[in-house]
Amino acid sequence: MGDEVAGINRAFLAAGARTVVASLWTVDDEVGAILMRRFYENLRAGMSKAKALQAAQTAIRADHPSPYDWANFVLNGDPGAEILP
């Protein structure tokens, strides 16, 4: 159980993706969409990929405190670098 996530991540990375953000379990569509929107907003603001995901998860926790809603997203591969202004 759980090998599917590792397998799909490995497949994307082997195919040339530098980074994969994946969900470890099924998540509510609305909560997942909000989290991913915040993740990409954070990237555009210059955060590293790892910090952008962490900040998105932290923001989601305010309205959705259950770890079931935010803790399932993981980042594999290149965590990126901060882009300083």
PDB file of N, CA and C in Angstrom:
ATOM      1  N   MET A   1       0.841  -1.180   0.000  1.00  0.00           N
ATOM      2  CA  MET A   1       0.000   0.000   0.000  1.00  0.00           C
ATOM      3  C   MET A   1       0.883   1.239   0.000  1.00  0.00           C
ATOM      4  N   GLY A   2       0.550   2.213  -0.806  1.00  0.00           N
ATOM      5  CA  GLY A   2       1.333   3.436  -0.863  1.00  0.00           C
ATOM      6  C   GLY A   2       2.401   3.430  -1.935  1.00  0.00           C
ATOM      7  N   ASP A   3       2.684   2.280  -2.526  1.00  0.00           N
ATOM      8  CA  ASP A   3       3.696   2.209  -3.574  1.00  0.00           C
ATOM      9  C   ASP A   3       3.278   2.968  -4.817  1.00  0.00           C
ATOM     10  N   GLU A   4       1.979   3.159  -4.988  1.00  0.00           N
ATOM     11  CA  GLU A   4       1.490   3.852  -6.173  1.00  0.00           C
ATOM     12  C   GLU A   4       2.033   5.274  -6.231  1.00  0.00           C
ATOM     13  N   VAL A   5       2.042   5.961  -5.094  1.00  0.00           N
ATOM     14  CA  VAL A   5       2.522   7.339  -5.058  1.00  0.00           C
ATOM     15  C   VAL A   5       4.008   7.384  -5.376  1.00  0.00           C
ATOM     16  N   ALA A   6       4.793   6.518  -4.754  1.00  0.00           N
ATOM     17  CA  ALA A   6       6.232   6.479  -5.028  1.00  0.00           C
ATOM     18  C   ALA A   6       6.474   6.135  -6.483  1.00  0.00           C
ATOM     19  N   GLY A   7       5.706   5.210  -7.023  1.00  0.00           N
ATOM     20  CA  GLY A   7       5.872   4.797  -8.412  1.00  0.00           C
ATOM     21  C   GLY A   7       5.559   5.898  -9.392  1.00  0.00           C
ATOM     22  N   ILE A   8       4.477   6.626  -9.174  1.00  0.00           N
ATOM     23  CA  ILE A   8       4.108   7.695 -10.098  1.00  0.00           C
ATOM     24  C   ILE A   8       5.091   8.852  -9.993  1.00  0.00           C
ATOM     25  N   ASN A   9       5.540   9.166  -8.777  1.00  0.00           N
ATOM     26  CA  ASN A   9       6.559  10.208  -8.616  1.00  0.00           C
ATOM     27  C   ASN A   9       7.831   9.830  -9.349  1.00  0.00           C
ATOM     28  N   ARG A  10       8.263   8.603  -9.153  1.00  0.00           N
ATOM     29  CA  ARG A  10       9.479   8.111  -9.802  1.00  0.00           C
ATOM     30  C   ARG A  10       9.346   8.172 -11.325  1.00  0.00           C
ATOM     31  N   ALA A  11       8.180   7.826 -11.834  1.00  0.00           N
ATOM     32  CA  ALA A  11       7.953   7.840 -13.278  1.00  0.00           C
ATOM     33  C   ALA A  11       8.054   9.264 -13.834  1.00  0.00           C
ATOM     34  N   PHE A  12       7.445  10.228 -13.158  1.00  0.00           N
ATOM     35  CA  PHE A  12       7.523  11.617 -13.624  1.00  0.00           C
ATOM     36  C   PHE A  12       8.951  12.141 -13.558  1.00  0.00           C
ATOM     37  N   LEU A  13       9.660  11.846 -12.463  1.00  0.00           N
ATOM     38  CA  LEU A  13      11.034  12.301 -12.325  1.00  0.00           C
ATOM     39  C   LEU A  13      11.930  11.653 -13.376  1.00  0.00           C
ATOM     40  N   ALA A  14      11.728  10.367 -13.654  1.00  0.00           N
ATOM     41  CA  ALA A  14      12.518   9.673 -14.679  1.00  0.00           C
ATOM     42  C   ALA A  14      12.228  10.229 -16.068  1.00  0.00           C
ATOM     43  N   ALA A  15      11.025  10.738 -16.268  1.00  0.00           N
ATOM     44  CA  ALA A  15      10.645  11.297 -17.565  1.00  0.00           C
ATOM     45  C   ALA A  15      11.159  12.724 -17.749  1.00  0.00           C
ATOM     46  N   GLY A  16      11.788  13.283 -16.712  1.00  0.00           N
ATOM     47  CA  GLY A  16      12.392  14.598 -16.850  1.00  0.00           C
ATOM     48  C   GLY A  16      11.789  15.699 -16.002  1.00  0.00           C
ATOM     49  N   ALA A  17      10.716  15.412 -15.274  1.00  0.00           N
ATOM     50  CA  ALA A  17      10.156  16.436 -14.390  1.00  0.00           C
ATOM     51  C   ALA A  17      11.169  16.729 -13.286  1.00  0.00           C
ATOM     52  N   ARG A  18      11.362  18.004 -12.970  1.00  0.00           N
ATOM     53  CA  ARG A  18      12.306  18.350 -11.903  1.00  0.00           C
ATOM     54  C   ARG A  18      11.673  18.211 -10.533  1.00  0.00           C
ATOM     55  N   THR A  19      10.376  18.434 -10.470  1.00  0.00           N
ATOM     56  CA  THR A  19       9.669  18.398  -9.195  1.00  0.00           C
ATOM     57  C   THR A  19       8.266  17.846  -9.401  1.00  0.00           C
ATOM     58  N   VAL A  20       7.787  17.092  -8.418  1.00  0.00           N
ATOM     59  CA  VAL A  20       6.427  16.561  -8.443  1.00  0.00           C
ATOM     60  C   VAL A  20       5.769  16.890  -7.110  1.00  0.00           C
ATOM     61  N   VAL A  21       4.597  17.515  -7.166  1.00  0.00           N
ATOM     62  CA  VAL A  21       3.768  17.696  -5.975  1.00  0.00           C
ATOM     63  C   VAL A  21       2.636  16.698  -6.116  1.00  0.00           C
ATOM     64  N   ALA A  22       2.518  15.819  -5.127  1.00  0.00           N
ATOM     65  CA  ALA A  22       1.522  14.750  -5.198  1.00  0.00           C
ATOM     66  C   ALA A  22       0.730  14.673  -3.899  1.00  0.00           C
ATOM     67  N   SER A  23      -0.424  14.055  -3.994  1.00  0.00           N
ATOM     68  CA  SER A  23      -1.277  13.824  -2.839  1.00  0.00           C
ATOM     69  C   SER A  23      -1.143  12.373  -2.424  1.00  0.00           C
ATOM     70  N   LEU A  24      -0.963  12.135  -1.132  1.00  0.00           N
ATOM     71  CA  LEU A  24      -0.818  10.775  -0.629  1.00  0.00           C
ATOM     72  C   LEU A  24      -2.149  10.052  -0.487  1.00  0.00           C
ATOM     73  N   TRP A  25      -3.252  10.806  -0.428  1.00  0.00           N
ATOM     74  CA  TRP A  25      -4.575  10.208  -0.351  1.00  0.00           C
ATOM     75  C   TRP A  25      -5.574  11.148  -1.004  1.00  0.00           C
ATOM     76  N   THR A  26      -6.775  10.659  -1.220  1.00  0.00           N
ATOM     77  CA  THR A  26      -7.830  11.454  -1.833  1.00  0.00           C
ATOM     78  C   THR A  26      -8.154  12.650  -0.948  1.00  0.00           C
ATOM     79  N   VAL A  27      -8.303  13.793  -1.576  1.00  0.00           N
ATOM     80  CA  VAL A  27      -8.594  15.019  -0.843  1.00  0.00           C
ATOM     81  C   VAL A  27      -9.839  15.670  -1.444  1.00  0.00           C
ATOM     82  N   ASP A  28     -10.531  16.436  -0.627  1.00  0.00           N
ATOM     83  CA  ASP A  28     -11.687  17.182  -1.091  1.00  0.00           C
ATOM     84  C   ASP A  28     -11.259  18.090  -2.244  1.00  0.00           C
ATOM     85  N   ASP A  29     -12.014  18.074  -3.346  1.00  0.00           N
ATOM     86  CA  ASP A  29     -11.646  18.853  -4.535  1.00  0.00           C
ATOM     87  C   ASP A  29     -11.502  20.340  -4.242  1.00  0.00           C
ATOM     88  N   GLU A  30     -12.424  20.895  -3.484  1.00  0.00           N
ATOM     89  CA  GLU A  30     -12.391  22.334  -3.195  1.00  0.00           C
ATOM     90  C   GLU A  30     -11.152  22.699  -2.379  1.00  0.00           C
ATOM     91  N   VAL A  31     -10.867  21.922  -1.341  1.00  0.00           N
ATOM     92  CA  VAL A  31      -9.708  22.199  -0.498  1.00  0.00           C
ATOM     93  C   VAL A  31      -8.412  22.021  -1.306  1.00  0.00           C
ATOM     94  N   GLY A  32      -8.359  20.988  -2.114  1.00  0.00           N
ATOM     95  CA  GLY A  32      -7.182  20.761  -2.955  1.00  0.00           C
ATOM     96  C   GLY A  32      -6.955  21.901  -3.934  1.00  0.00           C
ATOM     97  N   ALA A  33      -8.032  22.405  -4.516  1.00  0.00           N
ATOM     98  CA  ALA A  33      -7.920  23.518  -5.461  1.00  0.00           C
ATOM     99  C   ALA A  33      -7.432  24.779  -4.767  1.00  0.00           C
ATOM    100  N   ILE A  34      -7.941  25.046  -3.577  1.00  0.00           N
ATOM    101  CA  ILE A  34      -7.511  26.224  -2.821  1.00  0.00           C
ATOM    102  C   ILE A  34      -6.022  26.107  -2.493  1.00  0.00           C
ATOM    103  N   LEU A  35      -5.612  24.940  -2.015  1.00  0.00           N
ATOM    104  CA  LEU A  35      -4.210  24.743  -1.657  1.00  0.00           C
ATOM    105  C   LEU A  35      -3.300  24.927  -2.870  1.00  0.00           C
ATOM    106  N   MET A  36      -3.663  24.346  -3.996  1.00  0.00           N
ATOM    107  CA  MET A  36      -2.820  24.460  -5.185  1.00  0.00           C
ATOM    108  C   MET A  36      -2.797  25.892  -5.720  1.00  0.00           C
ATOM    109  N   ARG A  37      -3.908  26.616  -5.631  1.00  0.00           N
ATOM    110  CA  ARG A  37      -3.917  28.031  -6.034  1.00  0.00           C
ATOM    111  C   ARG A  37      -2.933  28.828  -5.189  1.00  0.00           C
ATOM    112  N   ARG A  38      -2.989  28.599  -3.887  1.00  0.00           N
ATOM    113  CA  ARG A  38      -2.071  29.309  -2.986  1.00  0.00           C
ATOM    114  C   ARG A  38      -0.624  28.911  -3.257  1.00  0.00           C
ATOM    115  N   PHE A  39      -0.393  27.636  -3.539  1.00  0.00           N
ATOM    116  CA  PHE A  39       0.952  27.161  -3.865  1.00  0.00           C
ATOM    117  C   PHE A  39       1.508  27.936  -5.059  1.00  0.00           C
ATOM    118  N   TYR A  40       0.746  28.030  -6.132  1.00  0.00           N
ATOM    119  CA  TYR A  40       1.216  28.732  -7.332  1.00  0.00           C
ATOM    120  C   TYR A  40       1.324  30.241  -7.110  1.00  0.00           C
ATOM    121  N   GLU A  41       0.455  30.818  -6.303  1.00  0.00           N
ATOM    122  CA  GLU A  41       0.583  32.239  -5.960  1.00  0.00           C
ATOM    123  C   GLU A  41       1.896  32.472  -5.215  1.00  0.00           C
ATOM    124  N   ASN A  42       2.221  31.571  -4.295  1.00  0.00           N
ATOM    125  CA  ASN A  42       3.460  31.674  -3.531  1.00  0.00           C
ATOM    126  C   ASN A  42       4.684  31.533  -4.446  1.00  0.00           C
ATOM    127  N   LEU A  43       4.616  30.630  -5.415  1.00  0.00           N
ATOM    128  CA  LEU A  43       5.720  30.493  -6.379  1.00  0.00           C
ATOM    129  C   LEU A  43       5.911  31.789  -7.157  1.00  0.00           C
ATOM    130  N   ARG A  44       4.804  32.356  -7.631  1.00  0.00           N
ATOM    131  CA  ARG A  44       4.889  33.610  -8.388  1.00  0.00           C
ATOM    132  C   ARG A  44       5.436  34.746  -7.533  1.00  0.00           C
ATOM    133  N   ALA A  45       5.236  34.668  -6.224  1.00  0.00           N
ATOM    134  CA  ALA A  45       5.745  35.695  -5.309  1.00  0.00           C
ATOM    135  C   ALA A  45       7.240  35.516  -5.029  1.00  0.00           C
ATOM    136  N   GLY A  46       7.839  34.443  -5.544  1.00  0.00           N
ATOM    137  CA  GLY A  46       9.280  34.254  -5.397  1.00  0.00           C
ATOM    138  C   GLY A  46       9.710  33.225  -4.371  1.00  0.00           C
ATOM    139  N   MET A  47       8.763  32.537  -3.743  1.00  0.00           N
ATOM    140  CA  MET A  47       9.138  31.506  -2.774  1.00  0.00           C
ATOM    141  C   MET A  47       9.706  30.292  -3.500  1.00  0.00           C
ATOM    142  N   SER A  48      10.552  29.539  -2.797  1.00  0.00           N
ATOM    143  CA  SER A  48      11.002  28.257  -3.333  1.00  0.00           C
ATOM    144  C   SER A  48       9.802  27.322  -3.393  1.00  0.00           C
ATOM    145  N   LYS A  49       9.924  26.244  -4.135  1.00  0.00           N
ATOM    146  CA  LYS A  49       8.810  25.290  -4.249  1.00  0.00           C
ATOM    147  C   LYS A  49       8.452  24.720  -2.874  1.00  0.00           C
ATOM    148  N   ALA A  50       9.468  24.362  -2.095  1.00  0.00           N
ATOM    149  CA  ALA A  50       9.223  23.783  -0.776  1.00  0.00           C
ATOM    150  C   ALA A  50       8.552  24.785   0.149  1.00  0.00           C
ATOM    151  N   LYS A  51       9.031  26.032   0.163  1.00  0.00           N
ATOM    152  CA  LYS A  51       8.428  27.068   1.012  1.00  0.00           C
ATOM    153  C   LYS A  51       7.016  27.411   0.532  1.00  0.00           C
ATOM    154  N   ALA A  52       6.818  27.413  -0.787  1.00  0.00           N
ATOM    155  CA  ALA A  52       5.492  27.720  -1.339  1.00  0.00           C
ATOM    156  C   ALA A  52       4.467  26.685  -0.894  1.00  0.00           C
ATOM    157  N   LEU A  53       4.850  25.417  -0.904  1.00  0.00           N
ATOM    158  CA  LEU A  53       3.930  24.366  -0.448  1.00  0.00           C
ATOM    159  C   LEU A  53       3.687  24.482   1.047  1.00  0.00           C
ATOM    160  N   GLN A  54       4.745  24.696   1.801  1.00  0.00           N
ATOM    161  CA  GLN A  54       4.604  24.831   3.256  1.00  0.00           C
ATOM    162  C   GLN A  54       3.686  26.004   3.607  1.00  0.00           C
ATOM    163  N   ALA A  55       3.864  27.137   2.949  1.00  0.00           N
ATOM    164  CA  ALA A  55       3.030  28.309   3.218  1.00  0.00           C
ATOM    165  C   ALA A  55       1.573  28.062   2.824  1.00  0.00           C
ATOM    166  N   ALA A  56       1.363  27.363   1.715  1.00  0.00           N
ATOM    167  CA  ALA A  56      -0.005  27.031   1.292  1.00  0.00           C
ATOM    168  C   ALA A  56      -0.667  26.116   2.320  1.00  0.00           C
ATOM    169  N   GLN A  57       0.074  25.131   2.809  1.00  0.00           N
ATOM    170  CA  GLN A  57      -0.472  24.227   3.820  1.00  0.00           C
ATOM    171  C   GLN A  57      -0.801  24.981   5.105  1.00  0.00           C
ATOM    172  N   THR A  58       0.068  25.888   5.496  1.00  0.00           N
ATOM    173  CA  THR A  58      -0.168  26.684   6.704  1.00  0.00           C
ATOM    174  C   THR A  58      -1.414  27.546   6.544  1.00  0.00           C
ATOM    175  N   ALA A  59      -1.589  28.150   5.374  1.00  0.00           N
ATOM    176  CA  ALA A  59      -2.764  28.990   5.125  1.00  0.00           C
ATOM    177  C   ALA A  59      -4.047  28.168   5.160  1.00  0.00           C
ATOM    178  N   ILE A  60      -4.022  26.984   4.593  1.00  0.00           N
ATOM    179  CA  ILE A  60      -5.207  26.115   4.563  1.00  0.00           C
ATOM    180  C   ILE A  60      -5.628  25.715   5.977  1.00  0.00           C
ATOM    181  N   ARG A  61      -4.646  25.552   6.845  1.00  0.00           N
ATOM    182  CA  ARG A  61      -4.936  25.108   8.216  1.00  0.00           C
ATOM    183  C   ARG A  61      -5.853  26.069   8.972  1.00  0.00           C
ATOM    184  N   ALA A  62      -5.864  27.338   8.599  1.00  0.00           N
ATOM    185  CA  ALA A  62      -6.716  28.311   9.284  1.00  0.00           C
ATOM    186  C   ALA A  62      -8.191  27.950   9.141  1.00  0.00           C
ATOM    187  N   ASP A  63      -8.601  27.556   7.936  1.00  0.00           N
ATOM    188  CA  ASP A  63     -10.007  27.219   7.680  1.00  0.00           C
ATOM    189  C   ASP A  63     -10.281  25.718   7.714  1.00  0.00           C
ATOM    190  N   HIS A  64      -9.227  24.913   7.543  1.00  0.00           N
ATOM    191  CA  HIS A  64      -9.361  23.457   7.496  1.00  0.00           C
ATOM    192  C   HIS A  64      -8.291  22.845   8.392  1.00  0.00           C
ATOM    193  N   PRO A  65      -8.511  22.851   9.712  1.00  0.00           N
ATOM    194  CA  PRO A  65      -7.466  22.423  10.648  1.00  0.00           C
ATOM    195  C   PRO A  65      -7.141  20.929  10.633  1.00  0.00           C
ATOM    196  N   SER A  66      -8.005  20.123  10.071  1.00  0.00           N
ATOM    197  CA  SER A  66      -7.738  18.685  10.051  1.00  0.00           C
ATOM    198  C   SER A  66      -6.557  18.377   9.123  1.00  0.00           C
ATOM    199  N   PRO A  67      -5.545  17.651   9.615  1.00  0.00           N
ATOM    200  CA  PRO A  67      -4.420  17.267   8.764  1.00  0.00           C
ATOM    201  C   PRO A  67      -4.868  16.495   7.521  1.00  0.00           C
ATOM    202  N   TYR A  68      -6.018  15.884   7.589  1.00  0.00           N
ATOM    203  CA  TYR A  68      -6.544  15.146   6.444  1.00  0.00           C
ATOM    204  C   TYR A  68      -6.697  16.054   5.225  1.00  0.00           C
ATOM    205  N   ASP A  69      -6.935  17.340   5.456  1.00  0.00           N
ATOM    206  CA  ASP A  69      -7.163  18.281   4.365  1.00  0.00           C
ATOM    207  C   ASP A  69      -5.885  18.883   3.781  1.00  0.00           C
ATOM    208  N   TRP A  70      -4.807  18.956   4.540  1.00  0.00           N
ATOM    209  CA  TRP A  70      -3.621  19.667   4.061  1.00  0.00           C
ATOM    210  C   TRP A  70      -2.320  18.863   4.129  1.00  0.00           C
ATOM    211  N   ALA A  71      -2.245  17.851   4.982  1.00  0.00           N
ATOM    212  CA  ALA A  71      -0.976  17.149   5.196  1.00  0.00           C
ATOM    213  C   ALA A  71      -0.673  16.094   4.137  1.00  0.00           C
ATOM    214  N   ASN A  72      -1.589  15.864   3.232  1.00  0.00           N
ATOM    215  CA  ASN A  72      -1.406  14.811   2.237  1.00  0.00           C
ATOM    216  C   ASN A  72      -0.540  15.228   1.061  1.00  0.00           C
ATOM    217  N   PHE A  73      -0.262  16.514   0.909  1.00  0.00           N
ATOM    218  CA  PHE A  73       0.520  16.985  -0.232  1.00  0.00           C
ATOM    219  C   PHE A  73       2.009  16.926   0.087  1.00  0.00           C
ATOM    220  N   VAL A  74       2.776  16.314  -0.811  1.00  0.00           N
ATOM    221  CA  VAL A  74       4.221  16.189  -0.634  1.00  0.00           C
ATOM    222  C   VAL A  74       4.925  16.658  -1.902  1.00  0.00           C
ATOM    223  N   LEU A  75       6.134  17.150  -1.719  1.00  0.00           N
ATOM    224  CA  LEU A  75       6.948  17.623  -2.826  1.00  0.00           C
ATOM    225  C   LEU A  75       8.149  16.692  -2.953  1.00  0.00           C
ATOM    226  N   ASN A  76       8.378  16.179  -4.140  1.00  0.00           N
ATOM    227  CA  ASN A  76       9.522  15.315  -4.420  1.00  0.00           C
ATOM    228  C   ASN A  76      10.357  15.940  -5.525  1.00  0.00           C
ATOM    229  N   GLY A  77      11.660  15.792  -5.407  1.00  0.00           N
ATOM    230  CA  GLY A  77      12.555  16.320  -6.430  1.00  0.00           C
ATOM    231  C   GLY A  77      13.198  17.609  -5.989  1.00  0.00           C
ATOM    232  N   ASP A  78      13.397  18.522  -6.941  1.00  0.00           N
ATOM    233  CA  ASP A  78      14.063  19.793  -6.697  1.00  0.00           C
ATOM    234  C   ASP A  78      13.179  20.710  -5.861  1.00  0.00           C
ATOM    235  N   PRO A  79      13.629  21.104  -4.643  1.00  0.00           N
ATOM    236  CA  PRO A  79      12.808  21.968  -3.810  1.00  0.00           C
ATOM    237  C   PRO A  79      12.821  23.427  -4.242  1.00  0.00           C
ATOM    238  N   GLY A  80      13.681  23.768  -5.203  1.00  0.00           N
ATOM    239  CA  GLY A  80      13.755  25.131  -5.709  1.00  0.00           C
ATOM    240  C   GLY A  80      14.514  26.049  -4.780  1.00  0.00           C
ATOM    241  N   ALA A  81      14.711  27.249  -5.243  1.00  0.00           N
ATOM    242  CA  ALA A  81      15.424  28.270  -4.475  1.00  0.00           C
ATOM    243  C   ALA A  81      14.565  29.513  -4.373  1.00  0.00           C
ATOM    244  N   GLU A  82      14.758  30.237  -3.297  1.00  0.00           N
ATOM    245  CA  GLU A  82      14.047  31.503  -3.136  1.00  0.00           C
ATOM    246  C   GLU A  82      14.512  32.473  -4.210  1.00  0.00           C
ATOM    247  N   ILE A  83      13.592  33.228  -4.768  1.00  0.00           N
ATOM    248  CA  ILE A  83      13.939  34.277  -5.714  1.00  0.00           C
ATOM    249  C   ILE A  83      13.818  35.583  -4.948  1.00  0.00           C
ATOM    250  N   LEU A  84      14.944  36.159  -4.628  1.00  0.00           N
ATOM    251  CA  LEU A  84      14.933  37.376  -3.824  1.00  0.00           C
ATOM    252  C   LEU A  84      14.725  38.596  -4.704  1.00  0.00           C
ATOM    253  N   PRO A  85      13.912  39.548  -4.218  1.00  0.00           N
ATOM    254  CA  PRO A  85      13.638  40.761  -5.008  1.00  0.00           C
ATOM    255  C   PRO A  85      14.873  41.640  -5.127  1.00  0.00           C
TER     256      PRO A  85
END
